[in-house]
Amino acid sequence: MESEYRKGYVYIQNHFAGIIAETEEGYSFTYDRKYLKREDKAAVSLTLPLREEPYRTTILFPFFDGLIPEGWLLGVVSRNWKINQNDRFGLLLAACRDCIGDVCIRGEIK
């Protein structure tokens, strides 16, 4: 099993849905088993349909990367939290706690 460096807890409509993690190989996203049993479950995105097996990639999943602020707001986030703009996962964890839309990323399980 690959080591996890940092991880975030993914919520869909305030329901814990899964974990995104930075690993030795890149990134992984895994839906929570309890979430998959919910009647009202929904996929985090069309590119990450519901399934039990983890998704793995060498780059940050485009859906999650798209949650990160852009332009002047990215500069504000980077300066205020002292996060390098190239640290996309760090920006995701810091800036996506309260995103517009159904999905948010938190540092702990609520």
PDB file of N, CA and C in Angstrom:
ATOM      1  N   MET A   1       0.843  -1.181   0.000  1.00  0.00           N
ATOM      2  CA  MET A   1       0.000   0.000   0.000  1.00  0.00           C
ATOM      3  C   MET A   1       0.884   1.239   0.000  1.00  0.00           C
ATOM      4  N   GLU A   2       0.503   2.236  -0.775  1.00  0.00           N
ATOM      5  CA  GLU A   2       1.292   3.452  -0.852  1.00  0.00           C
ATOM      6  C   GLU A   2       1.033   4.350   0.367  1.00  0.00           C
ATOM      7  N   SER A   3       2.050   5.084   0.761  1.00  0.00           N
ATOM      8  CA  SER A   3       1.930   5.977   1.906  1.00  0.00           C
ATOM      9  C   SER A   3       1.161   7.233   1.526  1.00  0.00           C
ATOM     10  N   GLU A   4       0.347   7.710   2.472  1.00  0.00           N
ATOM     11  CA  GLU A   4      -0.375   8.963   2.282  1.00  0.00           C
ATOM     12  C   GLU A   4       0.396  10.069   2.969  1.00  0.00           C
ATOM     13  N   TYR A   5       0.549  11.199   2.282  1.00  0.00           N
ATOM     14  CA  TYR A   5       1.227  12.351   2.872  1.00  0.00           C
ATOM     15  C   TYR A   5       0.216  13.290   3.515  1.00  0.00           C
ATOM     16  N   ARG A   6      -0.755  13.729   2.752  1.00  0.00           N
ATOM     17  CA  ARG A   6      -1.821  14.602   3.249  1.00  0.00           C
ATOM     18  C   ARG A   6      -3.139  14.058   2.723  1.00  0.00           C
ATOM     19  N   LYS A   7      -4.220  14.332   3.451  1.00  0.00           N
ATOM     20  CA  LYS A   7      -5.521  13.892   2.955  1.00  0.00           C
ATOM     21  C   LYS A   7      -6.599  14.881   3.344  1.00  0.00           C
ATOM     22  N   GLY A   8      -7.666  14.854   2.573  1.00  0.00           N
ATOM     23  CA  GLY A   8      -8.818  15.694   2.819  1.00  0.00           C
ATOM     24  C   GLY A   8     -10.070  14.849   2.784  1.00  0.00           C
ATOM     25  N   TYR A   9     -11.036  15.258   3.575  1.00  0.00           N
ATOM     26  CA  TYR A   9     -12.309  14.550   3.650  1.00  0.00           C
ATOM     27  C   TYR A   9     -13.312  15.268   2.759  1.00  0.00           C
ATOM     28  N   VAL A  10     -13.839  14.541   1.798  1.00  0.00           N
ATOM     29  CA  VAL A  10     -14.715  15.110   0.782  1.00  0.00           C
ATOM     30  C   VAL A  10     -16.166  14.962   1.222  1.00  0.00           C
ATOM     31  N   TYR A  11     -16.890  16.087   1.172  1.00  0.00           N
ATOM     32  CA  TYR A  11     -18.309  16.112   1.535  1.00  0.00           C
ATOM     33  C   TYR A  11     -19.121  16.518   0.318  1.00  0.00           C
ATOM     34  N   ILE A  12     -20.242  15.832   0.136  1.00  0.00           N
ATOM     35  CA  ILE A  12     -21.192  16.181  -0.909  1.00  0.00           C
ATOM     36  C   ILE A  12     -22.494  16.516  -0.203  1.00  0.00           C
ATOM     37  N   GLN A  13     -22.963  17.734  -0.365  1.00  0.00           N
ATOM     38  CA  GLN A  13     -24.168  18.229   0.317  1.00  0.00           C
ATOM     39  C   GLN A  13     -24.095  17.940   1.822  1.00  0.00           C
ATOM     40  N   ASN A  14     -22.933  18.217   2.410  1.00  0.00           N
ATOM     41  CA  ASN A  14     -22.664  18.048   3.843  1.00  0.00           C
ATOM     42  C   ASN A  14     -22.700  16.603   4.329  1.00  0.00           C
ATOM     43  N   HIS A  15     -22.611  15.640   3.421  1.00  0.00           N
ATOM     44  CA  HIS A  15     -22.516  14.224   3.790  1.00  0.00           C
ATOM     45  C   HIS A  15     -21.103  13.755   3.459  1.00  0.00           C
ATOM     46  N   PHE A  16     -20.446  13.125   4.429  1.00  0.00           N
ATOM     47  CA  PHE A  16     -19.100  12.603   4.180  1.00  0.00           C
ATOM     48  C   PHE A  16     -19.179  11.576   3.062  1.00  0.00           C
ATOM     49  N   ALA A  17     -18.412  11.813   1.980  1.00  0.00           N
ATOM     50  CA  ALA A  17     -18.502  10.966   0.788  1.00  0.00           C
ATOM     51  C   ALA A  17     -17.236  10.182   0.485  1.00  0.00           C
ATOM     52  N   GLY A  18     -16.083  10.666   0.956  1.00  0.00           N
ATOM     53  CA  GLY A  18     -14.849   9.952   0.637  1.00  0.00           C
ATOM     54  C   GLY A  18     -13.613  10.720   1.038  1.00  0.00           C
ATOM     55  N   ILE A  19     -12.471  10.157   0.684  1.00  0.00           N
ATOM     56  CA  ILE A  19     -11.184  10.744   1.046  1.00  0.00           C
ATOM     57  C   ILE A  19     -10.331  10.938  -0.205  1.00  0.00           C
ATOM     58  N   ILE A  20      -9.779  12.137  -0.320  1.00  0.00           N
ATOM     59  CA  ILE A  20      -8.779  12.408  -1.351  1.00  0.00           C
ATOM     60  C   ILE A  20      -7.436  12.482  -0.630  1.00  0.00           C
ATOM     61  N   ALA A  21      -6.435  11.832  -1.189  1.00  0.00           N
ATOM     62  CA  ALA A  21      -5.133  11.775  -0.522  1.00  0.00           C
ATOM     63  C   ALA A  21      -4.000  12.023  -1.504  1.00  0.00           C
ATOM     64  N   GLU A  22      -2.962  12.657  -0.983  1.00  0.00           N
ATOM     65  CA  GLU A  22      -1.707  12.809  -1.717  1.00  0.00           C
ATOM     66  C   GLU A  22      -0.846  11.616  -1.311  1.00  0.00           C
ATOM     67  N   THR A  23      -0.322  10.897  -2.286  1.00  0.00           N
ATOM     68  CA  THR A  23       0.427   9.671  -2.009  1.00  0.00           C
ATOM     69  C   THR A  23       1.813   9.716  -2.650  1.00  0.00           C
ATOM     70  N   GLU A  24       2.575   8.670  -2.410  1.00  0.00           N
ATOM     71  CA  GLU A  24       3.899   8.546  -3.048  1.00  0.00           C
ATOM     72  C   GLU A  24       3.781   8.555  -4.571  1.00  0.00           C
ATOM     73  N   GLU A  25       2.715   7.972  -5.081  1.00  0.00           N
ATOM     74  CA  GLU A  25       2.525   7.822  -6.527  1.00  0.00           C
ATOM     75  C   GLU A  25       1.790   8.991  -7.167  1.00  0.00           C
ATOM     76  N   GLY A  26       1.160   9.846  -6.378  1.00  0.00           N
ATOM     77  CA  GLY A  26       0.367  10.950  -6.918  1.00  0.00           C
ATOM     78  C   GLY A  26      -0.799  11.256  -6.011  1.00  0.00           C
ATOM     79  N   TYR A  27      -2.005  10.845  -6.443  1.00  0.00           N
ATOM     80  CA  TYR A  27      -3.221  11.149  -5.697  1.00  0.00           C
ATOM     81  C   TYR A  27      -4.176   9.967  -5.779  1.00  0.00           C
ATOM     82  N   SER A  28      -5.033   9.862  -4.758  1.00  0.00           N
ATOM     83  CA  SER A  28      -6.078   8.844  -4.784  1.00  0.00           C
ATOM     84  C   SER A  28      -7.372   9.461  -4.254  1.00  0.00           C
ATOM     85  N   PHE A  29      -8.475   8.939  -4.735  1.00  0.00           N
ATOM     86  CA  PHE A  29      -9.790   9.308  -4.207  1.00  0.00           C
ATOM     87  C   PHE A  29     -10.576   8.035  -4.019  1.00  0.00           C
ATOM     88  N   THR A  30     -11.151   7.878  -2.820  1.00  0.00           N
ATOM     89  CA  THR A  30     -11.919   6.681  -2.494  1.00  0.00           C
ATOM     90  C   THR A  30     -13.242   7.093  -1.868  1.00  0.00           C
ATOM     91  N   TYR A  31     -14.327   6.583  -2.424  1.00  0.00           N
ATOM     92  CA  TYR A  31     -15.636   6.818  -1.818  1.00  0.00           C
ATOM     93  C   TYR A  31     -15.749   6.042  -0.513  1.00  0.00           C
ATOM     94  N   ASP A  32     -16.398   6.623   0.462  1.00  0.00           N
ATOM     95  CA  ASP A  32     -16.658   5.965   1.741  1.00  0.00           C
ATOM     96  C   ASP A  32     -17.702   4.860   1.536  1.00  0.00           C
ATOM     97  N   ARG A  33     -17.473   3.703   2.139  1.00  0.00           N
ATOM     98  CA  ARG A  33     -18.391   2.563   1.971  1.00  0.00           C
ATOM     99  C   ARG A  33     -19.794   2.882   2.487  1.00  0.00           C
ATOM    100  N   LYS A  34     -19.889   3.588   3.604  1.00  0.00           N
ATOM    101  CA  LYS A  34     -21.205   3.954   4.140  1.00  0.00           C
ATOM    102  C   LYS A  34     -21.929   4.902   3.183  1.00  0.00           C
ATOM    103  N   TYR A  35     -21.172   5.806   2.589  1.00  0.00           N
ATOM    104  CA  TYR A  35     -21.778   6.742   1.637  1.00  0.00           C
ATOM    105  C   TYR A  35     -22.333   5.984   0.433  1.00  0.00           C
ATOM    106  N   LEU A  36     -21.607   4.985  -0.043  1.00  0.00           N
ATOM    107  CA  LEU A  36     -22.050   4.217  -1.207  1.00  0.00           C
ATOM    108  C   LEU A  36     -23.350   3.457  -0.929  1.00  0.00           C
ATOM    109  N   LYS A  37     -23.674   3.215   0.341  1.00  0.00           N
ATOM    110  CA  LYS A  37     -24.903   2.510   0.700  1.00  0.00           C
ATOM    111  C   LYS A  37     -26.104   3.445   0.849  1.00  0.00           C
ATOM    112  N   ARG A  38     -25.866   4.742   0.848  1.00  0.00           N
ATOM    113  CA  ARG A  38     -26.957   5.718   0.997  1.00  0.00           C
ATOM    114  C   ARG A  38     -27.881   5.678  -0.221  1.00  0.00           C
ATOM    115  N   GLU A  39     -29.167   5.862   0.001  1.00  0.00           N
ATOM    116  CA  GLU A  39     -30.106   5.926  -1.114  1.00  0.00           C
ATOM    117  C   GLU A  39     -29.936   7.212  -1.914  1.00  0.00           C
ATOM    118  N   ASP A  40     -29.544   8.291  -1.232  1.00  0.00           N
ATOM    119  CA  ASP A  40     -29.422   9.590  -1.894  1.00  0.00           C
ATOM    120  C   ASP A  40     -27.990   9.906  -2.337  1.00  0.00           C
ATOM    121  N   LYS A  41     -27.168   8.888  -2.483  1.00  0.00           N
ATOM    122  CA  LYS A  41     -25.766   9.107  -2.876  1.00  0.00           C
ATOM    123  C   LYS A  41     -25.688   9.722  -4.272  1.00  0.00           C
ATOM    124  N   ALA A  42     -24.617  10.494  -4.471  1.00  0.00           N
ATOM    125  CA  ALA A  42     -24.357  11.105  -5.773  1.00  0.00           C
ATOM    126  C   ALA A  42     -22.856  11.094  -5.999  1.00  0.00           C
ATOM    127  N   ALA A  43     -22.462  10.964  -7.238  1.00  0.00           N
ATOM    128  CA  ALA A  43     -21.036  10.983  -7.568  1.00  0.00           C
ATOM    129  C   ALA A  43     -20.489  12.394  -7.364  1.00  0.00           C
ATOM    130  N   VAL A  44     -19.217  12.473  -7.001  1.00  0.00           N
ATOM    131  CA  VAL A  44     -18.581  13.770  -6.816  1.00  0.00           C
ATOM    132  C   VAL A  44     -18.504  14.521  -8.149  1.00  0.00           C
ATOM    133  N   SER A  45     -18.354  13.792  -9.228  1.00  0.00           N
ATOM    134  CA  SER A  45     -18.352  14.381 -10.573  1.00  0.00           C
ATOM    135  C   SER A  45     -18.613  13.274 -11.592  1.00  0.00           C
ATOM    136  N   LEU A  46     -18.886  13.679 -12.818  1.00  0.00           N
ATOM    137  CA  LEU A  46     -19.095  12.691 -13.883  1.00  0.00           C
ATOM    138  C   LEU A  46     -17.819  11.909 -14.177  1.00  0.00           C
ATOM    139  N   THR A  47     -16.666  12.519 -13.904  1.00  0.00           N
ATOM    140  CA  THR A  47     -15.395  11.849 -14.182  1.00  0.00           C
ATOM    141  C   THR A  47     -14.971  10.904 -13.056  1.00  0.00           C
ATOM    142  N   LEU A  48     -15.707  10.933 -11.932  1.00  0.00           N
ATOM    143  CA  LEU A  48     -15.422  10.045 -10.799  1.00  0.00           C
ATOM    144  C   LEU A  48     -16.719   9.355 -10.374  1.00  0.00           C
ATOM    145  N   PRO A  49     -17.257   8.464 -11.234  1.00  0.00           N
ATOM    146  CA  PRO A  49     -18.519   7.806 -10.902  1.00  0.00           C
ATOM    147  C   PRO A  49     -18.392   6.947  -9.639  1.00  0.00           C
ATOM    148  N   LEU A  50     -19.528   6.682  -9.020  1.00  0.00           N
ATOM    149  CA  LEU A  50     -19.554   5.890  -7.787  1.00  0.00           C
ATOM    150  C   LEU A  50     -18.976   4.497  -8.024  1.00  0.00           C
ATOM    151  N   ARG A  51     -18.071   4.092  -7.122  1.00  0.00           N
ATOM    152  CA  ARG A  51     -17.529   2.736  -7.142  1.00  0.00           C
ATOM    153  C   ARG A  51     -16.743   2.508  -5.852  1.00  0.00           C
ATOM    154  N   GLU A  52     -16.519   1.245  -5.521  1.00  0.00           N
ATOM    155  CA  GLU A  52     -15.796   0.925  -4.292  1.00  0.00           C
ATOM    156  C   GLU A  52     -14.286   1.037  -4.454  1.00  0.00           C
ATOM    157  N   GLU A  53     -13.771   0.766  -5.643  1.00  0.00           N
ATOM    158  CA  GLU A  53     -12.329   0.786  -5.857  1.00  0.00           C
ATOM    159  C   GLU A  53     -11.820   2.228  -5.867  1.00  0.00           C
ATOM    160  N   PRO A  54     -10.626   2.436  -5.308  1.00  0.00           N
ATOM    161  CA  PRO A  54     -10.051   3.790  -5.319  1.00  0.00           C
ATOM    162  C   PRO A  54      -9.672   4.235  -6.730  1.00  0.00           C
ATOM    163  N   TYR A  55      -9.777   5.513  -6.960  1.00  0.00           N
ATOM    164  CA  TYR A  55      -9.261   6.128  -8.177  1.00  0.00           C
ATOM    165  C   TYR A  55      -7.834   6.571  -7.875  1.00  0.00           C
ATOM    166  N   ARG A  56      -6.935   6.399  -8.839  1.00  0.00           N
ATOM    167  CA  ARG A  56      -5.540   6.812  -8.653  1.00  0.00           C
ATOM    168  C   ARG A  56      -5.082   7.581  -9.894  1.00  0.00           C
ATOM    169  N   THR A  57      -4.226   8.567  -9.666  1.00  0.00           N
ATOM    170  CA  THR A  57      -3.702   9.367 -10.765  1.00  0.00           C
ATOM    171  C   THR A  57      -2.378   9.996 -10.339  1.00  0.00           C
ATOM    172  N   THR A  58      -1.580  10.369 -11.308  1.00  0.00           N
ATOM    173  CA  THR A  58      -0.291  11.004 -10.999  1.00  0.00           C
ATOM    174  C   THR A  58      -0.416  12.522 -10.891  1.00  0.00           C
ATOM    175  N   ILE A  59      -1.540  13.074 -11.375  1.00  0.00           N
ATOM    176  CA  ILE A  59      -1.793  14.516 -11.246  1.00  0.00           C
ATOM    177  C   ILE A  59      -3.071  14.698 -10.433  1.00  0.00           C
ATOM    178  N   LEU A  60      -3.240  15.877  -9.854  1.00  0.00           N
ATOM    179  CA  LEU A  60      -4.465  16.135  -9.102  1.00  0.00           C
ATOM    180  C   LEU A  60      -5.659  15.997 -10.036  1.00  0.00           C
ATOM    181  N   PHE A  61      -6.669  15.265  -9.590  1.00  0.00           N
ATOM    182  CA  PHE A  61      -7.865  15.048 -10.407  1.00  0.00           C
ATOM    183  C   PHE A  61      -8.385  16.399 -10.916  1.00  0.00           C
ATOM    184  N   PRO A  62      -8.664  16.510 -12.209  1.00  0.00           N
ATOM    185  CA  PRO A  62      -9.124  17.790 -12.752  1.00  0.00           C
ATOM    186  C   PRO A  62     -10.336  18.368 -12.031  1.00  0.00           C
ATOM    187  N   PHE A  63     -11.281  17.521 -11.606  1.00  0.00           N
ATOM    188  CA  PHE A  63     -12.443  18.041 -10.890  1.00  0.00           C
ATOM    189  C   PHE A  63     -12.015  18.776  -9.625  1.00  0.00           C
ATOM    190  N   PHE A  64     -11.131  18.161  -8.833  1.00  0.00           N
ATOM    191  CA  PHE A  64     -10.698  18.782  -7.580  1.00  0.00           C
ATOM    192  C   PHE A  64      -9.826  20.010  -7.857  1.00  0.00           C
ATOM    193  N   ASP A  65      -8.987  19.942  -8.877  1.00  0.00           N
ATOM    194  CA  ASP A  65      -8.168  21.090  -9.236  1.00  0.00           C
ATOM    195  C   ASP A  65      -9.053  22.276  -9.625  1.00  0.00           C
ATOM    196  N   GLY A  66     -10.182  21.984 -10.235  1.00  0.00           N
ATOM    197  CA  GLY A  66     -11.114  23.031 -10.640  1.00  0.00           C
ATOM    198  C   GLY A  66     -11.794  23.732  -9.487  1.00  0.00           C
ATOM    199  N   LEU A  67     -11.751  23.159  -8.295  1.00  0.00           N
ATOM    200  CA  LEU A  67     -12.340  23.796  -7.115  1.00  0.00           C
ATOM    201  C   LEU A  67     -11.449  24.901  -6.555  1.00  0.00           C
ATOM    202  N   ILE A  68     -10.175  24.872  -6.904  1.00  0.00           N
ATOM    203  CA  ILE A  68      -9.203  25.834  -6.372  1.00  0.00           C
ATOM    204  C   ILE A  68      -9.446  27.199  -7.004  1.00  0.00           C
ATOM    205  N   PRO A  69      -9.435  28.261  -6.185  1.00  0.00           N
ATOM    206  CA  PRO A  69      -9.644  29.609  -6.736  1.00  0.00           C
ATOM    207  C   PRO A  69      -8.621  29.947  -7.819  1.00  0.00           C
ATOM    208  N   GLU A  70      -8.990  30.907  -8.656  1.00  0.00           N
ATOM    209  CA  GLU A  70      -8.104  31.357  -9.732  1.00  0.00           C
ATOM    210  C   GLU A  70      -7.910  32.861  -9.640  1.00  0.00           C
ATOM    211  N   GLY A  71      -6.996  33.374 -10.430  1.00  0.00           N
ATOM    212  CA  GLY A  71      -6.792  34.811 -10.560  1.00  0.00           C
ATOM    213  C   GLY A  71      -6.397  35.493  -9.268  1.00  0.00           C
ATOM    214  N   TRP A  72      -6.977  36.660  -9.032  1.00  0.00           N
ATOM    215  CA  TRP A  72      -6.613  37.458  -7.860  1.00  0.00           C
ATOM    216  C   TRP A  72      -6.946  36.734  -6.557  1.00  0.00           C
ATOM    217  N   LEU A  73      -8.040  35.935  -6.561  1.00  0.00           N
ATOM    218  CA  LEU A  73      -8.414  35.210  -5.349  1.00  0.00           C
ATOM    219  C   LEU A  73      -7.371  34.137  -5.014  1.00  0.00           C
ATOM    220  N   LEU A  74      -6.792  33.518  -6.025  1.00  0.00           N
ATOM    221  CA  LEU A  74      -5.706  32.562  -5.799  1.00  0.00           C
ATOM    222  C   LEU A  74      -4.533  33.261  -5.128  1.00  0.00           C
ATOM    223  N   GLY A  75      -4.210  34.463  -5.576  1.00  0.00           N
ATOM    224  CA  GLY A  75      -3.135  35.239  -4.952  1.00  0.00           C
ATOM    225  C   GLY A  75      -3.420  35.537  -3.495  1.00  0.00           C
ATOM    226  N   VAL A  76      -4.654  35.892  -3.189  1.00  0.00           N
ATOM    227  CA  VAL A  76      -5.047  36.176  -1.798  1.00  0.00           C
ATOM    228  C   VAL A  76      -4.894  34.923  -0.941  1.00  0.00           C
ATOM    229  N   VAL A  77      -5.411  33.798  -1.433  1.00  0.00           N
ATOM    230  CA  VAL A  77      -5.324  32.530  -0.695  1.00  0.00           C
ATOM    231  C   VAL A  77      -3.862  32.155  -0.476  1.00  0.00           C
ATOM    232  N   SER A  78      -3.066  32.243  -1.515  1.00  0.00           N
ATOM    233  CA  SER A  78      -1.653  31.872  -1.437  1.00  0.00           C
ATOM    234  C   SER A  78      -0.902  32.739  -0.420  1.00  0.00           C
ATOM    235  N   ARG A  79      -1.135  34.034  -0.460  1.00  0.00           N
ATOM    236  CA  ARG A  79      -0.465  34.951   0.486  1.00  0.00           C
ATOM    237  C   ARG A  79      -0.953  34.761   1.913  1.00  0.00           C
ATOM    238  N   ASN A  80      -2.269  34.694   2.108  1.00  0.00           N
ATOM    239  CA  ASN A  80      -2.823  34.608   3.465  1.00  0.00           C
ATOM    240  C   ASN A  80      -2.440  33.318   4.182  1.00  0.00           C
ATOM    241  N   TRP A  81      -2.434  32.196   3.465  1.00  0.00           N
ATOM    242  CA  TRP A  81      -2.099  30.916   4.083  1.00  0.00           C
ATOM    243  C   TRP A  81      -0.656  30.509   3.821  1.00  0.00           C
ATOM    244  N   LYS A  82       0.086  31.377   3.128  1.00  0.00           N
ATOM    245  CA  LYS A  82       1.493  31.114   2.823  1.00  0.00           C
ATOM    246  C   LYS A  82       1.679  29.748   2.156  1.00  0.00           C
ATOM    247  N   ILE A  83       0.890  29.541   1.105  1.00  0.00           N
ATOM    248  CA  ILE A  83       0.946  28.296   0.341  1.00  0.00           C
ATOM    249  C   ILE A  83       1.413  28.634  -1.064  1.00  0.00           C
ATOM    250  N   ASN A  84       2.433  27.955  -1.530  1.00  0.00           N
ATOM    251  CA  ASN A  84       2.936  28.151  -2.886  1.00  0.00           C
ATOM    252  C   ASN A  84       1.825  27.838  -3.880  1.00  0.00           C
ATOM    253  N   GLN A  85       1.685  28.673  -4.900  1.00  0.00           N
ATOM    254  CA  GLN A  85       0.625  28.463  -5.890  1.00  0.00           C
ATOM    255  C   GLN A  85       0.794  27.171  -6.678  1.00  0.00           C
ATOM    256  N   ASN A  86       1.979  26.586  -6.661  1.00  0.00           N
ATOM    257  CA  ASN A  86       2.206  25.296  -7.316  1.00  0.00           C
ATOM    258  C   ASN A  86       1.804  24.117  -6.438  1.00  0.00           C
ATOM    259  N   ASP A  87       1.534  24.359  -5.154  1.00  0.00           N
ATOM    260  CA  ASP A  87       1.094  23.304  -4.234  1.00  0.00           C
ATOM    261  C   ASP A  87      -0.422  23.178  -4.341  1.00  0.00           C
ATOM    262  N   ARG A  88      -0.879  22.557  -5.410  1.00  0.00           N
ATOM    263  CA  ARG A  88      -2.303  22.480  -5.704  1.00  0.00           C
ATOM    264  C   ARG A  88      -3.072  21.734  -4.607  1.00  0.00           C
ATOM    265  N   PHE A  89      -2.479  20.676  -4.054  1.00  0.00           N
ATOM    266  CA  PHE A  89      -3.180  19.924  -3.015  1.00  0.00           C
ATOM    267  C   PHE A  89      -3.290  20.752  -1.738  1.00  0.00           C
ATOM    268  N   GLY A  90      -2.229  21.470  -1.389  1.00  0.00           N
ATOM    269  CA  GLY A  90      -2.271  22.348  -0.232  1.00  0.00           C
ATOM    270  C   GLY A  90      -3.328  23.430  -0.388  1.00  0.00           C
ATOM    271  N   LEU A  91      -3.428  23.994  -1.593  1.00  0.00           N
ATOM    272  CA  LEU A  91      -4.453  24.997  -1.871  1.00  0.00           C
ATOM    273  C   LEU A  91      -5.848  24.393  -1.778  1.00  0.00           C
ATOM    274  N   LEU A  92      -6.005  23.175  -2.267  1.00  0.00           N
ATOM    275  CA  LEU A  92      -7.292  22.486  -2.191  1.00  0.00           C
ATOM    276  C   LEU A  92      -7.724  22.332  -0.735  1.00  0.00           C
ATOM    277  N   LEU A  93      -6.807  21.879   0.119  1.00  0.00           N
ATOM    278  CA  LEU A  93      -7.134  21.673   1.532  1.00  0.00           C
ATOM    279  C   LEU A  93      -7.443  22.982   2.250  1.00  0.00           C
ATOM    280  N   ALA A  94      -6.737  24.049   1.889  1.00  0.00           N
ATOM    281  CA  ALA A  94      -6.920  25.329   2.583  1.00  0.00           C
ATOM    282  C   ALA A  94      -8.131  26.109   2.084  1.00  0.00           C
ATOM    283  N   ALA A  95      -8.347  26.114   0.783  1.00  0.00           N
ATOM    284  CA  ALA A  95      -9.334  27.022   0.209  1.00  0.00           C
ATOM    285  C   ALA A  95     -10.684  26.395  -0.103  1.00  0.00           C
ATOM    286  N   CYS A  96     -10.806  25.091  -0.023  1.00  0.00           N
ATOM    287  CA  CYS A  96     -12.044  24.448  -0.478  1.00  0.00           C
ATOM    288  C   CYS A  96     -12.890  23.891   0.659  1.00  0.00           C
ATOM    289  N   ARG A  97     -12.762  24.499   1.819  1.00  0.00           N
ATOM    290  CA  ARG A  97     -13.587  24.082   2.958  1.00  0.00           C
ATOM    291  C   ARG A  97     -15.030  24.519   2.784  1.00  0.00           C
ATOM    292  N   ASP A  98     -15.223  25.602   2.060  1.00  0.00           N
ATOM    293  CA  ASP A  98     -16.559  26.159   1.875  1.00  0.00           C
ATOM    294  C   ASP A  98     -16.706  26.616   0.431  1.00  0.00           C
ATOM    295  N   CYS A  99     -16.769  25.663  -0.472  1.00  0.00           N
ATOM    296  CA  CYS A  99     -16.844  25.960  -1.904  1.00  0.00           C
ATOM    297  C   CYS A  99     -18.271  26.294  -2.320  1.00  0.00           C
ATOM    298  N   ILE A 100     -18.382  26.964  -3.446  1.00  0.00           N
ATOM    299  CA  ILE A 100     -19.682  27.140  -4.076  1.00  0.00           C
ATOM    300  C   ILE A 100     -20.040  25.795  -4.700  1.00  0.00           C
ATOM    301  N   GLY A 101     -21.244  25.334  -4.500  1.00  0.00           N
ATOM    302  CA  GLY A 101     -21.667  24.060  -5.062  1.00  0.00           C
ATOM    303  C   GLY A 101     -21.835  22.999  -3.987  1.00  0.00           C
ATOM    304  N   ASP A 102     -21.937  21.767  -4.421  1.00  0.00           N
ATOM    305  CA  ASP A 102     -22.251  20.646  -3.529  1.00  0.00           C
ATOM    306  C   ASP A 102     -21.052  20.065  -2.810  1.00  0.00           C
ATOM    307  N   VAL A 103     -19.830  20.296  -3.306  1.00  0.00           N
ATOM    308  CA  VAL A 103     -18.653  19.600  -2.795  1.00  0.00           C
ATOM    309  C   VAL A 103     -17.784  20.543  -1.973  1.00  0.00           C
ATOM    310  N   CYS A 104     -17.297  20.046  -0.831  1.00  0.00           N
ATOM    311  CA  CYS A 104     -16.299  20.773  -0.056  1.00  0.00           C
ATOM    312  C   CYS A 104     -15.283  19.776   0.490  1.00  0.00           C
ATOM    313  N   ILE A 105     -14.114  20.289   0.825  1.00  0.00           N
ATOM    314  CA  ILE A 105     -13.014  19.467   1.320  1.00  0.00           C
ATOM    315  C   ILE A 105     -12.669  19.958   2.726  1.00  0.00           C
ATOM    316  N   ARG A 106     -12.639  19.064   3.678  1.00  0.00           N
ATOM    317  CA  ARG A 106     -12.317  19.441   5.059  1.00  0.00           C
ATOM    318  C   ARG A 106     -11.095  18.652   5.524  1.00  0.00           C
ATOM    319  N   GLY A 107     -10.464  19.170   6.563  1.00  0.00           N
ATOM    320  CA  GLY A 107      -9.279  18.521   7.104  1.00  0.00           C
ATOM    321  C   GLY A 107      -9.592  17.407   8.085  1.00  0.00           C
ATOM    322  N   GLU A 108     -10.871  17.277   8.451  1.00  0.00           N
ATOM    323  CA  GLU A 108     -11.262  16.243   9.409  1.00  0.00           C
ATOM    324  C   GLU A 108     -12.690  15.805   9.106  1.00  0.00           C
ATOM    325  N   ILE A 109     -13.072  14.696   9.712  1.00  0.00           N
ATOM    326  CA  ILE A 109     -14.436  14.199   9.551  1.00  0.00           C
ATOM    327  C   ILE A 109     -15.323  14.990  10.496  1.00  0.00           C
ATOM    328  N   LYS A 110     -16.408  15.484   9.986  1.00  0.00           N
ATOM    329  CA  LYS A 110     -17.363  16.301  10.771  1.00  0.00           C
ATOM    330  C   LYS A 110     -18.407  15.424  11.417  1.00  0.00           C
TER     331      LYS A 110
END
